[in-house]
Amino acid sequence: MEKITEQPSLYRDLEKKGIEELTSGLITEYKKIALAVEAAKPQLDRLLTAVVNKVKSGGRMIYLGAGTGGRLSVLDVLELPTTFGMEDDTIFSVLAGGIDKLILALEEKEDDTEESWEMLTERNVSSRDIVVGISASGTTPFVLHGLKMCREHGITTCCIVNNPDSPIAGMSDYPVEIITGPEFVTGSTRMKAGTSQKMIFDMISTTVMIQLGRVLDNRMINVQLINHKITDRAVHILMDKSDITDYDQARDYLLQHGSVANALKSLHQSGK
């Protein structure tokens, strides 16, 4: 396979360039990311259909990753309780080296060919679940071995990669190949490849949560009331989606029920 992510940068002598020239080059390259994601939309739609079907049937979606992509998947999962009120393990990440060591950036762990399956089995992975491998190169041993073992055990496999025709894509039932091209700094896949992965994670988690009914209209009705800003936002959502017009009354009713979703359900059941 050809590792496009490792090809030389289109920009030479970066150390000789000034700030304005560097930022212009970076912006030019970052403009290419959304187009690469758009080109992968048919693959992404197939992956999401499979994920939603699994989750609606009681299964889980499990990210399997190392390095930048793995860490970004953890960050996306960490947002789900606050944004969508999803506190169980419907979506979670398995990170090389362990999530408890997230900030240590244990890049050497991506070469471990045994740990991924061990970590998946510790989380009781089964054929009810769907596993999404993350690898810019498409060759990360940690991810490749995990997907291989999943296939051997009848577990649906997917991937998000940034090179075409990779071994990890070949081990996936639903591959998503986002071809972002050479990096601004040669081989630094935390840049365009990593940004494209973050976009995909946002699209996956948002789409799945909407499909699970955790959004009403375009509002976060399951948002956790963790601070004044979010509580105020939730009060206005409740007022917009109900007949309550008094702010203090809406706030009291919201706090009594813990979320906009619960408050609306109570109002519906009481016929208000």
C-alpha atoms as a PDB file:
ATOM      1  CA  MET A   1       0.000   0.000   0.000  1.00  0.00           C
ATOM      2  CA  GLU A   2       1.028   3.610  -0.548  1.00  0.00           C
ATOM      3  CA  LYS A   3       1.188   5.682   2.635  1.00  0.00           C
ATOM      4  CA  ILE A   4       0.059   9.069   1.397  1.00  0.00           C
ATOM      5  CA  THR A   5       0.201  10.377   4.962  1.00  0.00           C
ATOM      6  CA  GLU A   6       3.977   9.832   4.897  1.00  0.00           C
ATOM      7  CA  GLN A   7       4.609  11.577   1.578  1.00  0.00           C
ATOM      8  CA  PRO A   8       6.725  14.758   1.655  1.00  0.00           C
ATOM      9  CA  SER A   9       4.960  17.996   2.493  1.00  0.00           C
ATOM     10  CA  LEU A  10       3.976  20.227  -0.406  1.00  0.00           C
ATOM     11  CA  TYR A  11       5.818  23.029   1.399  1.00  0.00           C
ATOM     12  CA  ARG A  12       9.605  23.341   1.584  1.00  0.00           C
ATOM     13  CA  ASP A  13      11.956  25.266   3.869  1.00  0.00           C
ATOM     14  CA  LEU A  14       9.331  25.848   6.546  1.00  0.00           C
ATOM     15  CA  GLU A  15      11.976  27.167   8.932  1.00  0.00           C
ATOM     16  CA  LYS A  16      12.604  30.088   6.546  1.00  0.00           C
ATOM     17  CA  LYS A  17       8.970  31.185   6.340  1.00  0.00           C
ATOM     18  CA  GLY A  18       7.370  33.949   8.361  1.00  0.00           C
ATOM     19  CA  ILE A  19       4.205  33.675  10.431  1.00  0.00           C
ATOM     20  CA  GLU A  20       1.860  34.986   7.715  1.00  0.00           C
ATOM     21  CA  GLU A  21       3.238  32.572   5.124  1.00  0.00           C
ATOM     22  CA  LEU A  22       3.023  29.622   7.529  1.00  0.00           C
ATOM     23  CA  THR A  23      -0.567  30.316   8.523  1.00  0.00           C
ATOM     24  CA  SER A  24      -1.561  30.792   4.865  1.00  0.00           C
ATOM     25  CA  GLY A  25      -0.111  27.392   4.018  1.00  0.00           C
ATOM     26  CA  LEU A  26      -1.822  25.762   6.995  1.00  0.00           C
ATOM     27  CA  ILE A  27      -5.185  27.258   6.068  1.00  0.00           C
ATOM     28  CA  THR A  28      -4.782  26.041   2.498  1.00  0.00           C
ATOM     29  CA  GLU A  29      -4.175  22.504   3.741  1.00  0.00           C
ATOM     30  CA  TYR A  30      -6.947  22.551   6.339  1.00  0.00           C
ATOM     31  CA  LYS A  31      -9.462  23.575   3.644  1.00  0.00           C
ATOM     32  CA  LYS A  32      -8.857  20.170   2.058  1.00  0.00           C
ATOM     33  CA  ILE A  33     -10.069  18.255   5.118  1.00  0.00           C
ATOM     34  CA  ALA A  34     -13.814  18.811   4.731  1.00  0.00           C
ATOM     35  CA  LEU A  35     -13.588  17.839   1.063  1.00  0.00           C
ATOM     36  CA  ALA A  36     -11.841  14.594   2.006  1.00  0.00           C
ATOM     37  CA  VAL A  37     -14.546  13.855   4.590  1.00  0.00           C
ATOM     38  CA  GLU A  38     -17.242  14.618   2.016  1.00  0.00           C
ATOM     39  CA  ALA A  39     -15.637  12.187  -0.440  1.00  0.00           C
ATOM     40  CA  ALA A  40     -15.859   9.469   2.226  1.00  0.00           C
ATOM     41  CA  LYS A  41     -19.551  10.176   2.977  1.00  0.00           C
ATOM     42  CA  PRO A  42     -20.930   6.999   1.315  1.00  0.00           C
ATOM     43  CA  GLN A  43     -18.582   4.872   3.427  1.00  0.00           C
ATOM     44  CA  LEU A  44     -19.441   6.864   6.549  1.00  0.00           C
ATOM     45  CA  ASP A  45     -23.182   6.480   5.928  1.00  0.00           C
ATOM     46  CA  ARG A  46     -22.783   2.699   5.694  1.00  0.00           C
ATOM     47  CA  LEU A  47     -20.741   2.632   8.905  1.00  0.00           C
ATOM     48  CA  LEU A  48     -23.306   4.756  10.728  1.00  0.00           C
ATOM     49  CA  THR A  49     -26.196   2.595   9.561  1.00  0.00           C
ATOM     50  CA  ALA A  50     -24.433  -0.451  10.989  1.00  0.00           C
ATOM     51  CA  VAL A  51     -23.612   1.354  14.261  1.00  0.00           C
ATOM     52  CA  VAL A  52     -27.162   2.628  14.782  1.00  0.00           C
ATOM     53  CA  ASN A  53     -28.613  -0.827  14.088  1.00  0.00           C
ATOM     54  CA  LYS A  54     -26.247  -2.417  16.596  1.00  0.00           C
ATOM     55  CA  VAL A  55     -26.874   0.170  19.309  1.00  0.00           C
ATOM     56  CA  LYS A  56     -30.656   0.066  18.852  1.00  0.00           C
ATOM     57  CA  SER A  57     -30.451  -3.711  19.265  1.00  0.00           C
ATOM     58  CA  GLY A  58     -28.721  -3.327  22.633  1.00  0.00           C
ATOM     59  CA  GLY A  59     -25.128  -3.502  21.451  1.00  0.00           C
ATOM     60  CA  ARG A  60     -22.288  -1.050  21.945  1.00  0.00           C
ATOM     61  CA  MET A  61     -19.956   0.905  19.681  1.00  0.00           C
ATOM     62  CA  ILE A  62     -16.335   0.600  20.754  1.00  0.00           C
ATOM     63  CA  TYR A  63     -13.546   2.821  19.451  1.00  0.00           C
ATOM     64  CA  LEU A  64     -10.197   1.027  19.254  1.00  0.00           C
ATOM     65  CA  GLY A  65      -7.214   3.297  18.806  1.00  0.00           C
ATOM     66  CA  ALA A  66      -3.738   4.478  19.639  1.00  0.00           C
ATOM     67  CA  GLY A  67      -1.918   7.800  19.372  1.00  0.00           C
ATOM     68  CA  THR A  68      -3.715  10.966  18.300  1.00  0.00           C
ATOM     69  CA  GLY A  69      -6.782   9.224  16.857  1.00  0.00           C
ATOM     70  CA  GLY A  70      -7.293   7.096  19.940  1.00  0.00           C
ATOM     71  CA  ARG A  71      -6.968  10.081  22.265  1.00  0.00           C
ATOM     72  CA  LEU A  72      -9.409  12.130  20.182  1.00  0.00           C
ATOM     73  CA  SER A  73     -11.959   9.311  20.381  1.00  0.00           C
ATOM     74  CA  VAL A  74     -11.665   9.386  24.179  1.00  0.00           C
ATOM     75  CA  LEU A  75     -12.319  13.121  24.217  1.00  0.00           C
ATOM     76  CA  ASP A  76     -15.420  12.664  22.064  1.00  0.00           C
ATOM     77  CA  VAL A  77     -16.787   9.959  24.366  1.00  0.00           C
ATOM     78  CA  LEU A  78     -16.137  12.150  27.410  1.00  0.00           C
ATOM     79  CA  GLU A  79     -18.539  14.758  25.996  1.00  0.00           C
ATOM     80  CA  LEU A  80     -21.493  12.373  25.654  1.00  0.00           C
ATOM     81  CA  PRO A  81     -22.754  12.473  29.273  1.00  0.00           C
ATOM     82  CA  THR A  82     -22.833  16.279  29.415  1.00  0.00           C
ATOM     83  CA  THR A  83     -24.217  16.905  25.933  1.00  0.00           C
ATOM     84  CA  PHE A  84     -26.614  13.991  25.549  1.00  0.00           C
ATOM     85  CA  GLY A  85     -27.046  12.605  29.073  1.00  0.00           C
ATOM     86  CA  MET A  86     -25.558   9.273  27.925  1.00  0.00           C
ATOM     87  CA  GLU A  87     -23.845   7.869  31.004  1.00  0.00           C
ATOM     88  CA  ASP A  88     -23.638   4.142  30.197  1.00  0.00           C
ATOM     89  CA  ASP A  89     -21.108   2.360  27.988  1.00  0.00           C
ATOM     90  CA  THR A  90     -23.165   2.429  24.784  1.00  0.00           C
ATOM     91  CA  ILE A  91     -20.179   4.207  23.217  1.00  0.00           C
ATOM     92  CA  PHE A  92     -16.711   3.946  24.724  1.00  0.00           C
ATOM     93  CA  SER A  93     -13.032   3.900  23.764  1.00  0.00           C
ATOM     94  CA  VAL A  94     -10.307   1.328  24.177  1.00  0.00           C
ATOM     95  CA  LEU A  95      -6.996   3.213  24.048  1.00  0.00           C
ATOM     96  CA  ALA A  96      -3.551   1.689  23.717  1.00  0.00           C
ATOM     97  CA  GLY A  97      -1.854   2.011  27.093  1.00  0.00           C
ATOM     98  CA  GLY A  98      -5.176   2.685  28.854  1.00  0.00           C
ATOM     99  CA  ILE A  99      -7.376   5.753  29.194  1.00  0.00           C
ATOM    100  CA  ASP A 100      -5.940   6.389  32.672  1.00  0.00           C
ATOM    101  CA  LYS A 101      -2.623   7.179  30.940  1.00  0.00           C
ATOM    102  CA  LEU A 102      -4.193   9.431  28.286  1.00  0.00           C
ATOM    103  CA  ILE A 103      -1.914  12.410  28.898  1.00  0.00           C
ATOM    104  CA  LEU A 104       1.280  10.335  28.762  1.00  0.00           C
ATOM    105  CA  ALA A 105       1.022   9.794  24.975  1.00  0.00           C
ATOM    106  CA  LEU A 106       2.399   6.251  25.102  1.00  0.00           C
ATOM    107  CA  GLU A 107       3.093   6.040  21.368  1.00  0.00           C
ATOM    108  CA  GLU A 108       5.079   2.825  21.778  1.00  0.00           C
ATOM    109  CA  LYS A 109       1.896   1.045  22.823  1.00  0.00           C
ATOM    110  CA  GLU A 110       0.553   1.224  19.269  1.00  0.00           C
ATOM    111  CA  ASP A 111       2.988  -1.601  18.390  1.00  0.00           C
ATOM    112  CA  ASP A 112       1.518  -3.948  21.024  1.00  0.00           C
ATOM    113  CA  THR A 113      -0.166  -6.805  19.161  1.00  0.00           C
ATOM    114  CA  GLU A 114      -1.761  -8.476  22.194  1.00  0.00           C
ATOM    115  CA  GLU A 115      -3.077  -5.711  24.440  1.00  0.00           C
ATOM    116  CA  SER A 116      -5.962  -4.625  22.208  1.00  0.00           C
ATOM    117  CA  TRP A 117      -7.785  -7.956  22.327  1.00  0.00           C
ATOM    118  CA  GLU A 118      -7.050  -8.336  26.030  1.00  0.00           C
ATOM    119  CA  MET A 119      -8.571  -4.909  26.688  1.00  0.00           C
ATOM    120  CA  LEU A 120     -11.604  -5.677  24.540  1.00  0.00           C
ATOM    121  CA  THR A 121     -12.252  -8.984  26.296  1.00  0.00           C
ATOM    122  CA  GLU A 122     -11.967  -7.230  29.664  1.00  0.00           C
ATOM    123  CA  ARG A 123     -14.921  -5.108  28.497  1.00  0.00           C
ATOM    124  CA  ASN A 124     -16.815  -8.272  27.498  1.00  0.00           C
ATOM    125  CA  VAL A 125     -16.853  -7.519  23.778  1.00  0.00           C
ATOM    126  CA  SER A 126     -19.291  -9.762  21.900  1.00  0.00           C
ATOM    127  CA  SER A 127     -21.045 -10.208  18.578  1.00  0.00           C
ATOM    128  CA  ARG A 128     -23.701  -7.752  19.782  1.00  0.00           C
ATOM    129  CA  ASP A 129     -21.105  -4.964  19.587  1.00  0.00           C
ATOM    130  CA  ILE A 130     -19.417  -3.092  16.739  1.00  0.00           C
ATOM    131  CA  VAL A 131     -15.738  -2.117  16.931  1.00  0.00           C
ATOM    132  CA  VAL A 132     -14.321   0.919  15.103  1.00  0.00           C
ATOM    133  CA  GLY A 133     -10.553   0.902  14.628  1.00  0.00           C
ATOM    134  CA  ILE A 134      -8.788   4.256  14.296  1.00  0.00           C
ATOM    135  CA  SER A 135      -5.466   4.585  12.493  1.00  0.00           C
ATOM    136  CA  ALA A 136      -4.144   7.375  10.285  1.00  0.00           C
ATOM    137  CA  SER A 137      -1.655   5.028   8.648  1.00  0.00           C
ATOM    138  CA  GLY A 138      -4.058   2.097   8.390  1.00  0.00           C
ATOM    139  CA  THR A 139      -1.337  -0.224   9.672  1.00  0.00           C
ATOM    140  CA  THR A 140      -1.219   0.321  13.463  1.00  0.00           C
ATOM    141  CA  PRO A 141      -0.499  -3.136  14.988  1.00  0.00           C
ATOM    142  CA  PHE A 142      -2.600  -2.490  18.110  1.00  0.00           C
ATOM    143  CA  VAL A 143      -5.661  -1.734  15.985  1.00  0.00           C
ATOM    144  CA  LEU A 144      -4.999  -4.313  13.281  1.00  0.00           C
ATOM    145  CA  HIS A 145      -4.673  -7.210  15.734  1.00  0.00           C
ATOM    146  CA  GLY A 146      -7.779  -6.132  17.645  1.00  0.00           C
ATOM    147  CA  LEU A 147      -9.873  -6.053  14.475  1.00  0.00           C
ATOM    148  CA  LYS A 148      -8.434  -9.392  13.347  1.00  0.00           C
ATOM    149  CA  MET A 149      -9.461 -11.028  16.623  1.00  0.00           C
ATOM    150  CA  CYS A 150     -12.893  -9.403  16.428  1.00  0.00           C
ATOM    151  CA  ARG A 151     -13.436 -10.906  13.002  1.00  0.00           C
ATOM    152  CA  GLU A 152     -12.392 -14.317  14.244  1.00  0.00           C
ATOM    153  CA  HIS A 153     -15.024 -14.037  16.982  1.00  0.00           C
ATOM    154  CA  GLY A 154     -17.844 -12.848  14.716  1.00  0.00           C
ATOM    155  CA  ILE A 155     -17.759  -9.211  15.863  1.00  0.00           C
ATOM    156  CA  THR A 156     -18.589  -6.513  13.310  1.00  0.00           C
ATOM    157  CA  THR A 157     -15.568  -4.360  12.444  1.00  0.00           C
ATOM    158  CA  CYS A 158     -15.185  -0.828  11.089  1.00  0.00           C
ATOM    159  CA  CYS A 159     -12.329   1.617  10.711  1.00  0.00           C
ATOM    160  CA  ILE A 160     -11.382   5.233  10.158  1.00  0.00           C
ATOM    161  CA  VAL A 161      -8.096   5.503   8.233  1.00  0.00           C
ATOM    162  CA  ASN A 162      -6.305   8.134   6.153  1.00  0.00           C
ATOM    163  CA  ASN A 163      -4.604   5.982   3.509  1.00  0.00           C
ATOM    164  CA  PRO A 164      -6.218   3.931   0.744  1.00  0.00           C
ATOM    165  CA  ASP A 165      -6.199   0.128   0.573  1.00  0.00           C
ATOM    166  CA  SER A 166      -4.703  -0.384   4.029  1.00  0.00           C
ATOM    167  CA  PRO A 167      -4.525  -3.650   6.002  1.00  0.00           C
ATOM    168  CA  ILE A 168      -6.883  -2.220   8.631  1.00  0.00           C
ATOM    169  CA  ALA A 169      -9.452  -1.309   5.965  1.00  0.00           C
ATOM    170  CA  GLY A 170      -9.103  -4.841   4.623  1.00  0.00           C
ATOM    171  CA  MET A 171      -9.923  -6.181   8.085  1.00  0.00           C
ATOM    172  CA  SER A 172     -13.055  -4.013   8.344  1.00  0.00           C
ATOM    173  CA  ASP A 173     -16.631  -4.750   7.348  1.00  0.00           C
ATOM    174  CA  TYR A 174     -17.282  -1.013   7.099  1.00  0.00           C
ATOM    175  CA  PRO A 175     -14.098   0.922   6.247  1.00  0.00           C
ATOM    176  CA  VAL A 176     -14.026   4.715   6.077  1.00  0.00           C
ATOM    177  CA  GLU A 177     -11.013   6.041   4.180  1.00  0.00           C
ATOM    178  CA  ILE A 178     -10.444   9.798   4.511  1.00  0.00           C
ATOM    179  CA  ILE A 179      -7.634  10.654   2.135  1.00  0.00           C
ATOM    180  CA  THR A 180      -6.316  13.948   3.480  1.00  0.00           C
ATOM    181  CA  GLY A 181      -2.985  13.805   1.622  1.00  0.00           C
ATOM    182  CA  PRO A 182       0.512  14.763   2.795  1.00  0.00           C
ATOM    183  CA  GLU A 183       0.777  16.722   6.020  1.00  0.00           C
ATOM    184  CA  PHE A 184       2.040  20.306   6.274  1.00  0.00           C
ATOM    185  CA  VAL A 185       4.883  18.962   8.398  1.00  0.00           C
ATOM    186  CA  THR A 186       5.791  15.681   6.735  1.00  0.00           C
ATOM    187  CA  GLY A 187       4.323  12.689   8.574  1.00  0.00           C
ATOM    188  CA  SER A 188       2.718  14.733  11.383  1.00  0.00           C
ATOM    189  CA  THR A 189      -0.680  13.030  11.230  1.00  0.00           C
ATOM    190  CA  ARG A 190      -1.906  14.878  14.323  1.00  0.00           C
ATOM    191  CA  MET A 191      -2.639  17.675  11.826  1.00  0.00           C
ATOM    192  CA  LYS A 192      -4.894  17.009   8.806  1.00  0.00           C
ATOM    193  CA  ALA A 193      -5.465  13.326   9.509  1.00  0.00           C
ATOM    194  CA  GLY A 194      -6.200  13.986  13.180  1.00  0.00           C
ATOM    195  CA  THR A 195      -8.539  16.870  12.370  1.00  0.00           C
ATOM    196  CA  SER A 196     -10.459  14.713   9.903  1.00  0.00           C
ATOM    197  CA  GLN A 197     -10.816  12.026  12.571  1.00  0.00           C
ATOM    198  CA  LYS A 198     -12.187  14.578  15.044  1.00  0.00           C
ATOM    199  CA  MET A 199     -14.769  15.632  12.452  1.00  0.00           C
ATOM    200  CA  ILE A 200     -15.787  12.012  11.918  1.00  0.00           C
ATOM    201  CA  PHE A 201     -16.099  11.367  15.671  1.00  0.00           C
ATOM    202  CA  ASP A 202     -18.375  14.413  15.982  1.00  0.00           C
ATOM    203  CA  MET A 203     -20.499  13.162  13.095  1.00  0.00           C
ATOM    204  CA  ILE A 204     -20.731   9.631  14.487  1.00  0.00           C
ATOM    205  CA  SER A 205     -21.632  10.542  18.065  1.00  0.00           C
ATOM    206  CA  THR A 206     -24.053  13.306  17.040  1.00  0.00           C
ATOM    207  CA  THR A 207     -25.824  11.147  14.455  1.00  0.00           C
ATOM    208  CA  VAL A 208     -26.087   8.166  16.800  1.00  0.00           C
ATOM    209  CA  MET A 209     -27.441  10.279  19.672  1.00  0.00           C
ATOM    210  CA  ILE A 210     -30.040  11.894  17.399  1.00  0.00           C
ATOM    211  CA  GLN A 211     -31.076   8.483  16.086  1.00  0.00           C
ATOM    212  CA  LEU A 212     -31.458   7.286  19.695  1.00  0.00           C
ATOM    213  CA  GLY A 213     -33.902  10.124  20.386  1.00  0.00           C
ATOM    214  CA  ARG A 214     -31.635  12.159  22.632  1.00  0.00           C
ATOM    215  CA  VAL A 215     -32.235  15.355  20.638  1.00  0.00           C
ATOM    216  CA  LEU A 216     -35.614  17.037  20.025  1.00  0.00           C
ATOM    217  CA  ASP A 217     -35.883  19.297  16.985  1.00  0.00           C
ATOM    218  CA  ASN A 218     -32.363  20.749  17.204  1.00  0.00           C
ATOM    219  CA  ARG A 219     -32.161  20.989  20.994  1.00  0.00           C
ATOM    220  CA  MET A 220     -30.108  19.126  23.597  1.00  0.00           C
ATOM    221  CA  ILE A 221     -33.010  17.980  25.736  1.00  0.00           C
ATOM    222  CA  ASN A 222     -30.847  15.543  27.719  1.00  0.00           C
ATOM    223  CA  VAL A 223     -28.048  17.982  28.503  1.00  0.00           C
ATOM    224  CA  GLN A 224     -26.768  17.655  32.084  1.00  0.00           C
ATOM    225  CA  LEU A 225     -27.448  20.625  34.335  1.00  0.00           C
ATOM    226  CA  ILE A 226     -23.862  20.978  35.479  1.00  0.00           C
ATOM    227  CA  ASN A 227     -23.501  24.776  35.600  1.00  0.00           C
ATOM    228  CA  HIS A 228     -25.453  28.029  35.392  1.00  0.00           C
ATOM    229  CA  LYS A 229     -24.882  28.500  31.642  1.00  0.00           C
ATOM    230  CA  ILE A 230     -26.181  25.066  30.697  1.00  0.00           C
ATOM    231  CA  THR A 231     -29.066  25.248  33.177  1.00  0.00           C
ATOM    232  CA  ASP A 232     -30.114  28.601  31.712  1.00  0.00           C
ATOM    233  CA  ARG A 233     -29.948  27.119  28.210  1.00  0.00           C
ATOM    234  CA  ALA A 234     -32.070  24.172  29.332  1.00  0.00           C
ATOM    235  CA  VAL A 235     -34.662  26.466  30.919  1.00  0.00           C
ATOM    236  CA  HIS A 236     -35.091  28.297  27.623  1.00  0.00           C
ATOM    237  CA  ILE A 237     -35.372  24.997  25.765  1.00  0.00           C
ATOM    238  CA  LEU A 238     -38.120  23.885  28.134  1.00  0.00           C
ATOM    239  CA  MET A 239     -39.965  27.165  27.691  1.00  0.00           C
ATOM    240  CA  ASP A 240     -39.645  26.907  23.917  1.00  0.00           C
ATOM    241  CA  LYS A 241     -40.947  23.326  23.824  1.00  0.00           C
ATOM    242  CA  SER A 242     -43.760  23.716  26.352  1.00  0.00           C
ATOM    243  CA  ASP A 243     -46.479  26.130  27.387  1.00  0.00           C
ATOM    244  CA  ILE A 244     -44.508  27.382  30.395  1.00  0.00           C
ATOM    245  CA  THR A 245     -43.831  31.084  29.885  1.00  0.00           C
ATOM    246  CA  ASP A 246     -42.489  32.080  33.306  1.00  0.00           C
ATOM    247  CA  TYR A 247     -38.708  31.637  33.614  1.00  0.00           C
ATOM    248  CA  ASP A 248     -38.651  30.858  37.338  1.00  0.00           C
ATOM    249  CA  GLN A 249     -41.479  28.344  37.004  1.00  0.00           C
ATOM    250  CA  ALA A 250     -39.689  26.636  34.119  1.00  0.00           C
ATOM    251  CA  ARG A 251     -36.434  26.559  36.074  1.00  0.00           C
ATOM    252  CA  ASP A 252     -38.091  25.032  39.132  1.00  0.00           C
ATOM    253  CA  TYR A 253     -39.843  22.416  37.009  1.00  0.00           C
ATOM    254  CA  LEU A 254     -36.614  21.608  35.178  1.00  0.00           C
ATOM    255  CA  LEU A 255     -34.611  21.173  38.384  1.00  0.00           C
ATOM    256  CA  GLN A 256     -37.378  19.026  39.839  1.00  0.00           C
ATOM    257  CA  HIS A 257     -37.143  16.587  36.923  1.00  0.00           C
ATOM    258  CA  GLY A 258     -33.415  16.766  36.181  1.00  0.00           C
ATOM    259  CA  SER A 259     -33.551  17.279  32.410  1.00  0.00           C
ATOM    260  CA  VAL A 260     -35.632  18.884  29.703  1.00  0.00           C
ATOM    261  CA  ALA A 261     -36.553  15.440  28.385  1.00  0.00           C
ATOM    262  CA  ASN A 262     -37.917  14.317  31.752  1.00  0.00           C
ATOM    263  CA  ALA A 263     -39.723  17.613  32.288  1.00  0.00           C
ATOM    264  CA  LEU A 264     -41.414  17.409  28.871  1.00  0.00           C
ATOM    265  CA  LYS A 265     -42.391  13.815  29.496  1.00  0.00           C
ATOM    266  CA  SER A 266     -43.965  14.767  32.818  1.00  0.00           C
ATOM    267  CA  LEU A 267     -45.851  17.641  31.228  1.00  0.00           C
ATOM    268  CA  HIS A 268     -47.126  15.363  28.492  1.00  0.00           C
ATOM    269  CA  GLN A 269     -48.294  12.737  30.972  1.00  0.00           C
ATOM    270  CA  SER A 270     -50.091  15.374  33.041  1.00  0.00           C
ATOM    271  CA  GLY A 271     -51.722  16.837  29.931  1.00  0.00           C
ATOM    272  CA  LYS A 272     -50.168  20.265  30.392  1.00  0.00           C
END
